[in-house]
Protein backbone atom coordinates (compact mmCIF):
# COMPACT_ATOMS: atom_id res chain seq x y z
CA UNK A 1 202.24 165.59 39.92
CA UNK A 2 205.44 166.41 41.83
CA UNK A 3 206.47 168.81 44.57
CA UNK A 4 208.91 171.70 44.11
CA UNK A 5 211.75 169.34 44.99
CA UNK A 6 210.63 166.50 42.70
CA UNK A 7 208.75 164.26 45.20
CA UNK A 8 205.61 162.50 43.88
CA UNK A 9 202.19 163.82 45.09
CA UNK A 10 199.20 161.62 45.85
CA UNK A 11 196.99 161.48 42.75
CA UNK A 12 193.71 161.75 44.81
CA UNK A 13 192.56 164.19 47.50
CA UNK A 14 193.56 165.31 49.92
CA UNK A 15 196.67 166.33 48.07
CA UNK A 16 198.36 167.64 51.22
CA UNK A 17 198.00 168.99 54.73
CA UNK A 18 198.56 172.20 56.64
CA UNK A 19 199.29 172.05 60.36
CA UNK A 20 198.31 175.26 62.20
CA UNK A 21 200.62 175.21 65.21
CA UNK A 22 199.72 177.35 68.20
CA UNK A 23 200.87 177.98 71.73
CA UNK A 24 199.12 179.59 74.64
CA UNK A 25 201.01 182.51 76.13
CA UNK A 26 200.04 184.79 79.01
CA UNK A 27 198.88 187.46 76.53
CA UNK A 28 196.99 185.06 74.26
CA UNK A 29 197.41 182.49 71.50
CA UNK A 30 200.36 182.73 69.13
CA UNK A 31 200.59 180.96 65.76
CA UNK A 32 203.69 179.60 64.06
CA UNK A 33 204.44 180.92 60.52
CA UNK A 34 207.32 179.81 58.38
CA UNK A 35 208.85 182.00 55.67
CA UNK A 36 209.56 180.31 52.34
CA UNK A 37 213.02 180.90 51.08
CA UNK A 38 212.36 180.41 47.36
CA UNK A 39 211.91 184.11 46.48
CA UNK A 40 214.46 185.49 48.98
CA UNK A 41 214.29 186.77 52.54
CA UNK A 42 212.48 190.01 51.66
CA UNK A 43 209.61 188.39 49.69
CA UNK A 44 206.21 189.03 51.29
CA UNK A 45 203.76 187.99 48.54
CA UNK A 46 201.72 184.83 47.90
CA UNK A 47 203.00 181.75 49.77
CA UNK A 48 205.70 183.77 51.59
CA UNK A 49 204.34 182.98 55.00
CA UNK A 50 202.50 179.75 55.81
CA UNK A 51 202.02 177.28 58.64
CA UNK A 52 203.91 173.97 58.22
CA UNK A 53 202.38 172.25 55.21
CA UNK A 54 203.10 170.08 52.30
CA UNK A 55 202.06 167.48 49.78
CA UNK A 56 200.86 163.95 50.62
CA UNK A 57 202.94 161.18 49.11
CA UNK A 58 201.14 158.42 47.14
CA UNK A 59 199.56 155.91 49.66
CA UNK A 60 200.45 158.10 52.62
CA UNK A 61 197.68 158.59 55.21
CA UNK A 62 196.76 162.25 55.57
CA UNK A 63 197.50 162.31 59.28
CA UNK A 64 200.91 160.81 58.54
CA UNK A 65 201.50 163.54 55.96
CA UNK A 66 200.63 166.21 58.47
CA UNK A 67 202.90 164.77 61.20
CA UNK A 68 205.80 164.33 58.69
CA UNK A 69 205.47 167.87 57.38
CA UNK A 70 205.33 169.29 60.92
CA UNK A 71 208.59 167.51 61.79
CA UNK A 72 210.36 168.14 58.45
CA UNK A 73 209.57 171.81 58.31
CA UNK A 74 209.60 172.86 62.01
CA UNK A 75 211.29 170.07 63.87
CA UNK A 76 208.17 169.57 66.01
CA UNK A 77 206.32 166.49 67.15
CA UNK A 78 202.88 167.11 68.61
CA UNK A 79 199.39 165.66 68.77
CA UNK A 80 197.53 166.78 65.70
CA UNK A 81 193.77 167.12 65.15
CA UNK A 82 192.06 167.47 61.76
CA UNK A 83 189.70 170.43 61.48
CA UNK A 84 188.68 170.11 57.84
CA UNK A 85 187.11 167.19 55.97
CA UNK A 86 189.51 164.44 54.93
CA UNK A 87 187.85 164.51 51.52
CA UNK A 88 188.88 168.10 50.91
CA UNK A 89 191.66 168.84 48.36
CA UNK A 90 193.87 170.04 51.22
CA UNK A 91 193.39 169.00 54.85
CA UNK A 92 193.88 171.35 57.79
CA UNK A 93 195.14 170.22 61.19
CA UNK A 94 195.83 171.96 64.46
CA UNK A 95 198.58 171.21 66.97
CA UNK A 96 199.12 172.83 70.32
CA UNK A 97 202.71 172.95 71.52
CA UNK A 98 204.14 174.16 74.85
CA UNK A 99 205.11 177.84 75.17
CA UNK A 100 208.81 176.85 75.15
CA UNK A 101 208.61 174.47 72.17
CA UNK A 102 211.81 174.56 70.22
CA UNK A 103 211.30 175.18 66.44
CA UNK A 104 214.09 174.12 64.18
CA UNK A 105 214.06 174.60 60.45
CA UNK A 106 215.27 171.32 58.97
CA UNK A 107 215.01 172.08 55.28
CA UNK A 108 216.14 174.57 52.70
CA UNK A 109 212.49 175.48 51.90
CA UNK A 110 212.30 177.96 54.79
CA UNK A 111 214.62 180.72 56.02
CA UNK A 112 213.01 181.79 59.18
CA UNK A 113 209.87 181.51 61.45
CA UNK A 114 207.84 183.80 63.64
CA UNK A 115 205.21 183.40 66.30
CA UNK A 116 202.35 185.90 65.64
CA UNK A 117 198.89 186.78 66.89
CA UNK A 118 195.89 185.70 64.82
CA UNK A 119 195.44 189.14 63.10
CA UNK A 120 199.03 189.12 61.96
CA UNK A 121 198.81 185.49 60.79
CA UNK A 122 195.75 186.25 58.71
CA UNK A 123 197.38 189.33 57.21
CA UNK A 124 200.64 187.51 56.21
CA UNK A 125 199.10 184.29 54.93
CA UNK A 126 198.44 184.79 51.22
CA UNK A 127 196.67 183.82 49.04
CA UNK A 128 193.35 183.94 50.82
CA UNK A 129 193.00 180.15 50.88
CA UNK A 130 196.01 179.98 53.24
CA UNK A 131 194.48 182.53 55.63
CA UNK A 132 191.15 180.71 55.43
CA UNK A 133 192.85 177.54 56.74
CA UNK A 134 194.41 179.44 59.58
CA UNK A 135 191.07 181.03 60.46
CA UNK A 136 189.38 177.65 60.42
CA UNK A 137 191.94 176.26 62.81
CA UNK A 138 191.78 179.29 65.11
CA UNK A 139 187.96 178.98 65.25
CA UNK A 140 188.30 175.31 66.18
CA UNK A 141 190.31 176.24 69.27
CA UNK A 142 188.04 179.19 70.15
CA UNK A 143 190.50 181.94 69.29
CA UNK A 144 188.72 183.57 66.34
CA UNK A 145 185.06 184.40 65.62
């Protein structure tokens, strides 16, 4: 198996990681979503908006994958915490960043980012499996019932 850009994917689960990045603002918790550039800037369908995420390389520890993807896709370094089982097909992590954290898109995979409230994050993240990961992360920090 290979990624969209030809990189090898680990042959055993977890195959990759999502890092749900959040920041605490005066009005509440905001979540970082990245817009994938593959289908163009107006595309809003499946996989258009996601948290930083990506495939695990063969032999790469899952937490190393999460940290790498967070930096590659958003230019962020942060403490990450796993909120799903490491034996799942796809691991979910959370990372809190300061309110003034500087997001920088380092790759051609994404064309923009937005900070959004939980309801907006859940509405934009499609298919449902992506929104489920965001909801799991939000519940783990006490921001979603």
